[in-house]
Full PDB file with SEQRES, HELIX, SHEET, SSBOND, CRYST1, ORIGX, SCALE, CONECT and MASTER records, all heavy atoms in Angstrom:
SEQRES   1 A   32  ARG GLY LYS PHE ASP ILE ASP GLU ALA ALA PHE SER SER          
SEQRES   2 A   32  ASN ALA LYS ASP THR ASP ASN ASN THR ASP SER ALA GLU          
SEQRES   3 A   32  ALA ALA ILE LEU TYR GLU                                      
HELIX    1 AA1 GLU A    8  ASP A   17  1                                  10    
HELIX    2 AA2 THR A   22  ALA A   25  1                                   4    
CRYST1    1.000    1.000    1.000  90.00  90.00  90.00 P 1           1          
ORIGX1      1.000000  0.000000  0.000000        0.00000                         
ORIGX2      0.000000  1.000000  0.000000        0.00000                         
ORIGX3      0.000000  0.000000  1.000000        0.00000                         
SCALE1      1.000000  0.000000  0.000000        0.00000                         
SCALE2      0.000000  1.000000  0.000000        0.00000                         
SCALE3      0.000000  0.000000  1.000000        0.00000                         
ATOM      1  N   ARG A   1     138.644 143.849  67.371  1.00  0.00           N  
ATOM      2  CA  ARG A   1     138.099 142.481  67.493  1.00  0.00           C  
ATOM      3  C   ARG A   1     138.569 141.848  68.787  1.00  0.00           C  
ATOM      4  O   ARG A   1     137.812 141.178  69.493  1.00  0.00           O  
ATOM      5  CB  ARG A   1     138.534 141.618  66.310  1.00  0.00           C  
ATOM      6  CG  ARG A   1     137.847 141.943  64.993  1.00  0.00           C  
ATOM      7  CD  ARG A   1     138.093 140.853  63.958  1.00  0.00           C  
ATOM      8  NE  ARG A   1     137.529 141.215  62.679  1.00  0.00           N  
ATOM      9  CZ  ARG A   1     138.210 141.762  61.687  1.00  0.00           C  
ATOM     10  NH1 ARG A   1     139.509 142.005  61.829  1.00  0.00           N  
ATOM     11  NH2 ARG A   1     137.626 142.074  60.554  1.00  0.00           N  
ATOM     12  N   GLY A   2     139.855 142.075  69.091  1.00  0.00           N  
ATOM     13  CA  GLY A   2     140.401 141.494  70.311  1.00  0.00           C  
ATOM     14  C   GLY A   2     139.863 142.141  71.563  1.00  0.00           C  
ATOM     15  O   GLY A   2     139.509 141.444  72.527  1.00  0.00           O  
ATOM     16  N   LYS A   3     139.748 143.470  71.568  1.00  0.00           N  
ATOM     17  CA  LYS A   3     139.267 144.167  72.751  1.00  0.00           C  
ATOM     18  C   LYS A   3     137.828 143.806  73.087  1.00  0.00           C  
ATOM     19  O   LYS A   3     137.455 143.698  74.256  1.00  0.00           O  
ATOM     20  CB  LYS A   3     139.371 145.682  72.538  1.00  0.00           C  
ATOM     21  CG  LYS A   3     140.790 146.217  72.468  1.00  0.00           C  
ATOM     22  CD  LYS A   3     141.561 146.009  73.759  1.00  0.00           C  
ATOM     23  CE  LYS A   3     142.946 146.608  73.670  1.00  0.00           C  
ATOM     24  NZ  LYS A   3     143.740 146.330  74.917  1.00  0.00           N  
ATOM     25  N   PHE A   4     136.993 143.640  72.062  1.00  0.00           N  
ATOM     26  CA  PHE A   4     135.571 143.365  72.289  1.00  0.00           C  
ATOM     27  C   PHE A   4     135.219 141.891  72.106  1.00  0.00           C  
ATOM     28  O   PHE A   4     134.045 141.537  72.116  1.00  0.00           O  
ATOM     29  CB  PHE A   4     134.714 144.233  71.371  1.00  0.00           C  
ATOM     30  CG  PHE A   4     134.692 145.681  71.762  1.00  0.00           C  
ATOM     31  CD1 PHE A   4     135.684 146.560  71.350  1.00  0.00           C  
ATOM     32  CD2 PHE A   4     133.699 146.185  72.587  1.00  0.00           C  
ATOM     33  CE1 PHE A   4     135.696 147.896  71.720  1.00  0.00           C  
ATOM     34  CE2 PHE A   4     133.686 147.520  72.978  1.00  0.00           C  
ATOM     35  CZ  PHE A   4     134.697 148.369  72.548  1.00  0.00           C  
ATOM     36  N   ASP A   5     136.250 141.054  71.931  1.00  0.00           N  
ATOM     37  CA  ASP A   5     136.042 139.612  71.783  1.00  0.00           C  
ATOM     38  C   ASP A   5     135.019 139.318  70.682  1.00  0.00           C  
ATOM     39  O   ASP A   5     134.046 138.580  70.876  1.00  0.00           O  
ATOM     40  CB  ASP A   5     135.572 139.011  73.118  1.00  0.00           C  
ATOM     41  CG  ASP A   5     135.664 137.492  73.103  1.00  0.00           C  
ATOM     42  OD1 ASP A   5     136.461 136.934  72.326  1.00  0.00           O  
ATOM     43  OD2 ASP A   5     134.918 136.839  73.871  1.00  0.00           O  
ATOM     44  N   ILE A   6     135.248 139.917  69.518  1.00  0.00           N  
ATOM     45  CA  ILE A   6     134.347 139.758  68.385  1.00  0.00           C  
ATOM     46  C   ILE A   6     134.831 138.606  67.511  1.00  0.00           C  
ATOM     47  O   ILE A   6     135.997 138.569  67.096  1.00  0.00           O  
ATOM     48  CB  ILE A   6     134.270 141.057  67.563  1.00  0.00           C  
ATOM     49  CG1 ILE A   6     133.620 142.151  68.414  1.00  0.00           C  
ATOM     50  CG2 ILE A   6     133.466 140.843  66.280  1.00  0.00           C  
ATOM     51  CD1 ILE A   6     133.668 143.531  67.775  1.00  0.00           C  
ATOM     52  N   ASP A   7     133.955 137.673  67.234  1.00  0.00           N  
ATOM     53  CA  ASP A   7     134.281 136.488  66.445  1.00  0.00           C  
ATOM     54  C   ASP A   7     134.154 136.808  64.965  1.00  0.00           C  
ATOM     55  O   ASP A   7     133.048 136.909  64.436  1.00  0.00           O  
ATOM     56  CB  ASP A   7     133.353 135.335  66.825  1.00  0.00           C  
ATOM     57  CG  ASP A   7     133.740 134.026  66.150  1.00  0.00           C  
ATOM     58  OD1 ASP A   7     134.626 134.040  65.275  1.00  0.00           O  
ATOM     59  OD2 ASP A   7     133.151 132.989  66.512  1.00  0.00           O  
ATOM     60  N   GLU A   8     135.292 136.947  64.296  1.00  0.00           N  
ATOM     61  CA  GLU A   8     135.276 137.281  62.865  1.00  0.00           C  
ATOM     62  C   GLU A   8     134.598 136.197  62.046  1.00  0.00           C  
ATOM     63  O   GLU A   8     133.866 136.463  61.094  1.00  0.00           O  
ATOM     64  CB  GLU A   8     136.710 137.491  62.373  1.00  0.00           C  
ATOM     65  CG  GLU A   8     136.798 137.892  60.908  1.00  0.00           C  
ATOM     66  CD  GLU A   8     138.243 138.102  60.460  1.00  0.00           C  
ATOM     67  OE1 GLU A   8     139.159 137.804  61.239  1.00  0.00           O  
ATOM     68  OE2 GLU A   8     138.432 138.549  59.322  1.00  0.00           O  
ATOM     69  N   ALA A   9     134.805 134.936  62.431  1.00  0.00           N  
ATOM     70  CA  ALA A   9     134.210 133.832  61.672  1.00  0.00           C  
ATOM     71  C   ALA A   9     132.692 133.875  61.707  1.00  0.00           C  
ATOM     72  O   ALA A   9     132.018 133.610  60.727  1.00  0.00           O  
ATOM     73  CB  ALA A   9     134.706 132.505  62.235  1.00  0.00           C  
ATOM     74  N   ALA A  10     132.150 134.287  62.877  1.00  0.00           N  
ATOM     75  CA  ALA A  10     130.688 134.370  62.997  1.00  0.00           C  
ATOM     76  C   ALA A  10     130.133 135.427  62.064  1.00  0.00           C  
ATOM     77  O   ALA A  10     129.104 135.241  61.440  1.00  0.00           O  
ATOM     78  CB  ALA A  10     130.311 134.686  64.444  1.00  0.00           C  
ATOM     79  N   PHE A  11     130.842 136.568  61.949  1.00  0.00           N  
ATOM     80  CA  PHE A  11     130.393 137.622  61.058  1.00  0.00           C  
ATOM     81  C   PHE A  11     130.482 137.184  59.600  1.00  0.00           C  
ATOM     82  O   PHE A  11     129.612 137.452  58.788  1.00  0.00           O  
ATOM     83  CB  PHE A  11     131.213 138.885  61.259  1.00  0.00           C  
ATOM     84  CG  PHE A  11     130.817 139.653  62.486  1.00  0.00           C  
ATOM     85  CD1 PHE A  11     131.734 139.844  63.500  1.00  0.00           C  
ATOM     86  CD2 PHE A  11     129.560 140.158  62.626  1.00  0.00           C  
ATOM     87  CE1 PHE A  11     131.375 140.549  64.625  1.00  0.00           C  
ATOM     88  CE2 PHE A  11     129.188 140.862  63.758  1.00  0.00           C  
ATOM     89  CZ  PHE A  11     130.096 141.056  64.751  1.00  0.00           C  
ATOM     90  N   SER A  12     131.570 136.489  59.270  1.00  0.00           N  
ATOM     91  CA  SER A  12     131.766 136.054  57.889  1.00  0.00           C  
ATOM     92  C   SER A  12     130.669 135.088  57.481  1.00  0.00           C  
ATOM     93  O   SER A  12     130.125 135.152  56.391  1.00  0.00           O  
ATOM     94  CB  SER A  12     133.139 135.388  57.746  1.00  0.00           C  
ATOM     95  OG  SER A  12     134.159 136.303  58.032  1.00  0.00           O  
ATOM     96  N   SER A  13     130.326 134.177  58.409  1.00  0.00           N  
ATOM     97  CA  SER A  13     129.275 133.212  58.133  1.00  0.00           C  
ATOM     98  C   SER A  13     127.935 133.891  57.984  1.00  0.00           C  
ATOM     99  O   SER A  13     127.149 133.590  57.089  1.00  0.00           O  
ATOM    100  CB  SER A  13     129.222 132.172  59.264  1.00  0.00           C  
ATOM    101  OG  SER A  13     128.125 131.315  59.091  1.00  0.00           O  
ATOM    102  N   ASN A  14     127.681 134.867  58.846  1.00  0.00           N  
ATOM    103  CA  ASN A  14     126.415 135.584  58.791  1.00  0.00           C  
ATOM    104  C   ASN A  14     126.302 136.421  57.535  1.00  0.00           C  
ATOM    105  O   ASN A  14     125.226 136.593  56.968  1.00  0.00           O  
ATOM    106  CB  ASN A  14     126.277 136.464  60.040  1.00  0.00           C  
ATOM    107  CG  ASN A  14     124.842 136.870  60.292  1.00  0.00           C  
ATOM    108  OD1 ASN A  14     123.909 136.155  59.930  1.00  0.00           O  
ATOM    109  ND2 ASN A  14     124.652 137.997  60.938  1.00  0.00           N  
ATOM    110  N   ALA A  15     127.431 136.944  57.046  1.00  0.00           N  
ATOM    111  CA  ALA A  15     127.418 137.777  55.852  1.00  0.00           C  
ATOM    112  C   ALA A  15     126.935 137.002  54.640  1.00  0.00           C  
ATOM    113  O   ALA A  15     126.246 137.526  53.768  1.00  0.00           O  
ATOM    114  CB  ALA A  15     128.807 138.336  55.606  1.00  0.00           C  
ATOM    115  N   LYS A  16     127.279 135.711  54.572  1.00  0.00           N  
ATOM    116  CA  LYS A  16     126.856 134.890  53.441  1.00  0.00           C  
ATOM    117  C   LYS A  16     125.339 134.724  53.413  1.00  0.00           C  
ATOM    118  O   LYS A  16     124.733 134.560  52.362  1.00  0.00           O  
ATOM    119  CB  LYS A  16     127.519 133.511  53.547  1.00  0.00           C  
ATOM    120  CG  LYS A  16     129.031 133.576  53.373  1.00  0.00           C  
ATOM    121  CD  LYS A  16     129.655 132.194  53.551  1.00  0.00           C  
ATOM    122  CE  LYS A  16     131.186 132.271  53.437  1.00  0.00           C  
ATOM    123  NZ  LYS A  16     131.798 130.947  53.656  1.00  0.00           N  
ATOM    124  N   ASP A  17     124.736 134.779  54.633  1.00  0.00           N  
ATOM    125  CA  ASP A  17     123.290 134.613  54.721  1.00  0.00           C  
ATOM    126  C   ASP A  17     122.543 135.905  54.456  1.00  0.00           C  
ATOM    127  O   ASP A  17     121.347 135.904  54.259  1.00  0.00           O  
ATOM    128  CB  ASP A  17     122.904 134.100  56.124  1.00  0.00           C  
ATOM    129  CG  ASP A  17     123.502 132.740  56.408  1.00  0.00           C  
ATOM    130  OD1 ASP A  17     123.730 131.992  55.441  1.00  0.00           O  
ATOM    131  OD2 ASP A  17     123.749 132.436  57.591  1.00  0.00           O  
ATOM    132  N   THR A  18     123.275 137.043  54.462  1.00  0.00           N  
ATOM    133  CA  THR A  18     122.601 138.336  54.350  1.00  0.00           C  
ATOM    134  C   THR A  18     123.141 139.183  53.202  1.00  0.00           C  
ATOM    135  O   THR A  18     123.085 140.402  53.229  1.00  0.00           O  
ATOM    136  CB  THR A  18     122.755 139.127  55.665  1.00  0.00           C  
ATOM    137  OG1 THR A  18     124.151 139.284  55.956  1.00  0.00           O  
ATOM    138  CG2 THR A  18     122.080 138.409  56.809  1.00  0.00           C  
ATOM    139  N   ASP A  19     123.701 138.525  52.190  1.00  0.00           N  
ATOM    140  CA  ASP A  19     124.294 139.255  51.067  1.00  0.00           C  
ATOM    141  C   ASP A  19     123.304 140.173  50.378  1.00  0.00           C  
ATOM    142  O   ASP A  19     123.666 141.231  49.863  1.00  0.00           O  
ATOM    143  CB  ASP A  19     124.864 138.280  50.029  1.00  0.00           C  
ATOM    144  CG  ASP A  19     126.201 137.709  50.486  1.00  0.00           C  
ATOM    145  OD1 ASP A  19     126.830 138.328  51.367  1.00  0.00           O  
ATOM    146  OD2 ASP A  19     126.612 136.658  49.959  1.00  0.00           O  
ATOM    147  N   ASN A  20     122.037 139.793  50.375  1.00  0.00           N  
ATOM    148  CA  ASN A  20     121.037 140.589  49.674  1.00  0.00           C  
ATOM    149  C   ASN A  20     120.347 141.594  50.585  1.00  0.00           C  
ATOM    150  O   ASN A  20     119.443 142.291  50.164  1.00  0.00           O  
ATOM    151  CB  ASN A  20     119.977 139.643  49.070  1.00  0.00           C  
ATOM    152  CG  ASN A  20     120.585 138.733  48.024  1.00  0.00           C  
ATOM    153  OD1 ASN A  20     121.473 139.142  47.268  1.00  0.00           O  
ATOM    154  ND2 ASN A  20     120.111 137.489  47.963  1.00  0.00           N  
ATOM    155  N   ASN A  21     120.781 141.672  51.837  1.00  0.00           N  
ATOM    156  CA  ASN A  21     120.168 142.593  52.796  1.00  0.00           C  
ATOM    157  C   ASN A  21     121.153 143.694  53.119  1.00  0.00           C  
ATOM    158  O   ASN A  21     121.956 143.573  54.020  1.00  0.00           O  
ATOM    159  CB  ASN A  21     119.776 141.828  54.075  1.00  0.00           C  
ATOM    160  CG  ASN A  21     118.926 142.676  54.986  1.00  0.00           C  
ATOM    161  OD1 ASN A  21     119.003 143.910  54.942  1.00  0.00           O  
ATOM    162  ND2 ASN A  21     118.116 142.035  55.818  1.00  0.00           N  
ATOM    163  N   THR A  22     121.105 144.781  52.381  1.00  0.00           N  
ATOM    164  CA  THR A  22     122.081 145.869  52.535  1.00  0.00           C  
ATOM    165  C   THR A  22     122.037 146.487  53.908  1.00  0.00           C  
ATOM    166  O   THR A  22     123.045 146.728  54.544  1.00  0.00           O  
ATOM    167  CB  THR A  22     121.838 146.958  51.481  1.00  0.00           C  
ATOM    168  OG1 THR A  22     121.924 146.369  50.190  1.00  0.00           O  
ATOM    169  CG2 THR A  22     122.870 148.059  51.609  1.00  0.00           C  
ATOM    170  N   ASP A  23     120.839 146.751  54.441  1.00  0.00           N  
ATOM    171  CA  ASP A  23     120.713 147.402  55.745  1.00  0.00           C  
ATOM    172  C   ASP A  23     121.347 146.541  56.820  1.00  0.00           C  
ATOM    173  O   ASP A  23     122.059 147.031  57.693  1.00  0.00           O  
ATOM    174  CB  ASP A  23     119.243 147.657  56.072  1.00  0.00           C  
ATOM    175  CG  ASP A  23     118.651 148.729  55.159  1.00  0.00           C  
ATOM    176  OD1 ASP A  23     119.437 149.518  54.611  1.00  0.00           O  
ATOM    177  OD2 ASP A  23     117.425 148.759  55.003  1.00  0.00           O  
ATOM    178  N   SER A  24     121.068 145.226  56.803  1.00  0.00           N  
ATOM    179  CA  SER A  24     121.625 144.339  57.809  1.00  0.00           C  
ATOM    180  C   SER A  24     123.132 144.287  57.719  1.00  0.00           C  
ATOM    181  O   SER A  24     123.829 144.280  58.710  1.00  0.00           O  
ATOM    182  CB  SER A  24     121.020 142.927  57.631  1.00  0.00           C  
ATOM    183  OG  SER A  24     121.580 142.048  58.568  1.00  0.00           O  
ATOM    184  N   ALA A  25     123.652 144.239  56.461  1.00  0.00           N  
ATOM    185  CA  ALA A  25     125.092 144.122  56.274  1.00  0.00           C  
ATOM    186  C   ALA A  25     125.826 145.359  56.769  1.00  0.00           C  
ATOM    187  O   ALA A  25     127.005 145.284  57.092  1.00  0.00           O  
ATOM    188  CB  ALA A  25     125.396 143.882  54.792  1.00  0.00           C  
ATOM    189  N   GLU A  26     125.132 146.498  56.852  1.00  0.00           N  
ATOM    190  CA  GLU A  26     125.791 147.738  57.245  1.00  0.00           C  
ATOM    191  C   GLU A  26     125.514 148.104  58.706  1.00  0.00           C  
ATOM    192  O   GLU A  26     125.775 149.220  59.116  1.00  0.00           O  
ATOM    193  CB  GLU A  26     125.323 148.882  56.329  1.00  0.00           C  
ATOM    194  CG  GLU A  26     125.788 148.741  54.884  1.00  0.00           C  
ATOM    195  CD  GLU A  26     127.303 148.683  54.780  1.00  0.00           C  
ATOM    196  OE1 GLU A  26     127.992 149.455  55.458  1.00  0.00           O  
ATOM    197  OE2 GLU A  26     127.801 147.824  54.034  1.00  0.00           O  
ATOM    198  N   ALA A  27     124.952 147.185  59.460  1.00  0.00           N  
ATOM    199  CA  ALA A  27     124.633 147.497  60.854  1.00  0.00           C  
ATOM    200  C   ALA A  27     125.898 147.807  61.639  1.00  0.00           C  
ATOM    201  O   ALA A  27     126.957 147.223  61.418  1.00  0.00           O  
ATOM    202  CB  ALA A  27     123.896 146.320  61.494  1.00  0.00           C  
ATOM    203  N   ALA A  28     125.796 148.744  62.570  1.00  0.00           N  
ATOM    204  CA  ALA A  28     126.940 149.139  63.380  1.00  0.00           C  
ATOM    205  C   ALA A  28     127.280 148.057  64.397  1.00  0.00           C  
ATOM    206  O   ALA A  28     126.393 147.495  65.044  1.00  0.00           O  
ATOM    207  CB  ALA A  28     126.653 150.449  64.095  1.00  0.00           C  
ATOM    208  N   ILE A  29     128.567 147.758  64.509  1.00  0.00           N  
ATOM    209  CA  ILE A  29     129.062 146.850  65.531  1.00  0.00           C  
ATOM    210  C   ILE A  29     129.620 147.652  66.700  1.00  0.00           C  
ATOM    211  O   ILE A  29     129.363 147.362  67.855  1.00  0.00           O  
ATOM    212  CB  ILE A  29     130.160 145.924  64.952  1.00  0.00           C  
ATOM    213  CG1 ILE A  29     129.643 145.173  63.726  1.00  0.00           C  
ATOM    214  CG2 ILE A  29     130.641 144.948  66.020  1.00  0.00           C  
ATOM    215  CD1 ILE A  29     128.411 144.333  63.981  1.00  0.00           C  
ATOM    216  N   LEU A  30     130.400 148.685  66.369  1.00  0.00           N  
ATOM    217  CA  LEU A  30     130.963 149.581  67.377  1.00  0.00           C  
ATOM    218  C   LEU A  30     130.679 151.019  66.977  1.00  0.00           C  
ATOM    219  O   LEU A  30     130.441 151.315  65.800  1.00  0.00           O  
ATOM    220  CB  LEU A  30     132.485 149.392  67.488  1.00  0.00           C  
ATOM    221  CG  LEU A  30     133.034 148.025  67.843  1.00  0.00           C  
ATOM    222  CD1 LEU A  30     134.558 148.054  67.822  1.00  0.00           C  
ATOM    223  CD2 LEU A  30     132.538 147.555  69.205  1.00  0.00           C  
ATOM    224  N   TYR A  31     130.718 151.919  67.961  1.00  0.00           N  
ATOM    225  CA  TYR A  31     130.723 153.344  67.709  1.00  0.00           C  
ATOM    226  C   TYR A  31     132.087 153.893  68.120  1.00  0.00           C  
ATOM    227  O   TYR A  31     132.671 153.449  69.103  1.00  0.00           O  
ATOM    228  CB  TYR A  31     129.643 154.070  68.511  1.00  0.00           C  
ATOM    229  CG  TYR A  31     128.225 153.766  68.081  1.00  0.00           C  
ATOM    230  CD1 TYR A  31     127.241 153.499  69.016  1.00  0.00           C  
ATOM    231  CD2 TYR A  31     127.889 153.756  66.729  1.00  0.00           C  
ATOM    232  CE1 TYR A  31     125.942 153.241  68.633  1.00  0.00           C  
ATOM    233  CE2 TYR A  31     126.584 153.495  66.338  1.00  0.00           C  
ATOM    234  CZ  TYR A  31     125.617 153.233  67.279  1.00  0.00           C  
ATOM    235  OH  TYR A  31     124.328 152.971  66.889  1.00  0.00           O  
ATOM    236  N   GLU A  32     132.566 154.862  67.348  1.00  0.00           N  
ATOM    237  CA  GLU A  32     133.863 155.481  67.645  1.00  0.00           C  
ATOM    238  C   GLU A  32     133.674 156.995  67.743  1.00  0.00           C  
ATOM    239  O   GLU A  32     133.015 157.598  66.913  1.00  0.00           O  
ATOM    240  CB  GLU A  32     134.858 155.170  66.531  1.00  0.00           C  
ATOM    241  CG  GLU A  32     136.214 155.846  66.701  1.00  0.00           C  
ATOM    242  CD  GLU A  32     137.042 155.775  65.425  1.00  0.00           C  
ATOM    243  OE1 GLU A  32     136.839 156.631  64.528  1.00  0.00           O  
ATOM    244  OE2 GLU A  32     137.858 154.839  65.313  1.00  0.00           O  
TER     245      GLU A  32                                                      
MASTER        0    0    0    2    0    0    0    6  244    1    0    3          
END                                                                             
């Protein structure tokens, strides 16, 4: 999160809006 400057709060807020959308909730943020 720190290296890529990822806002955890933004993801948490977005998750509440997409609880019923499994595909969206599982979208890749990073590749390893």
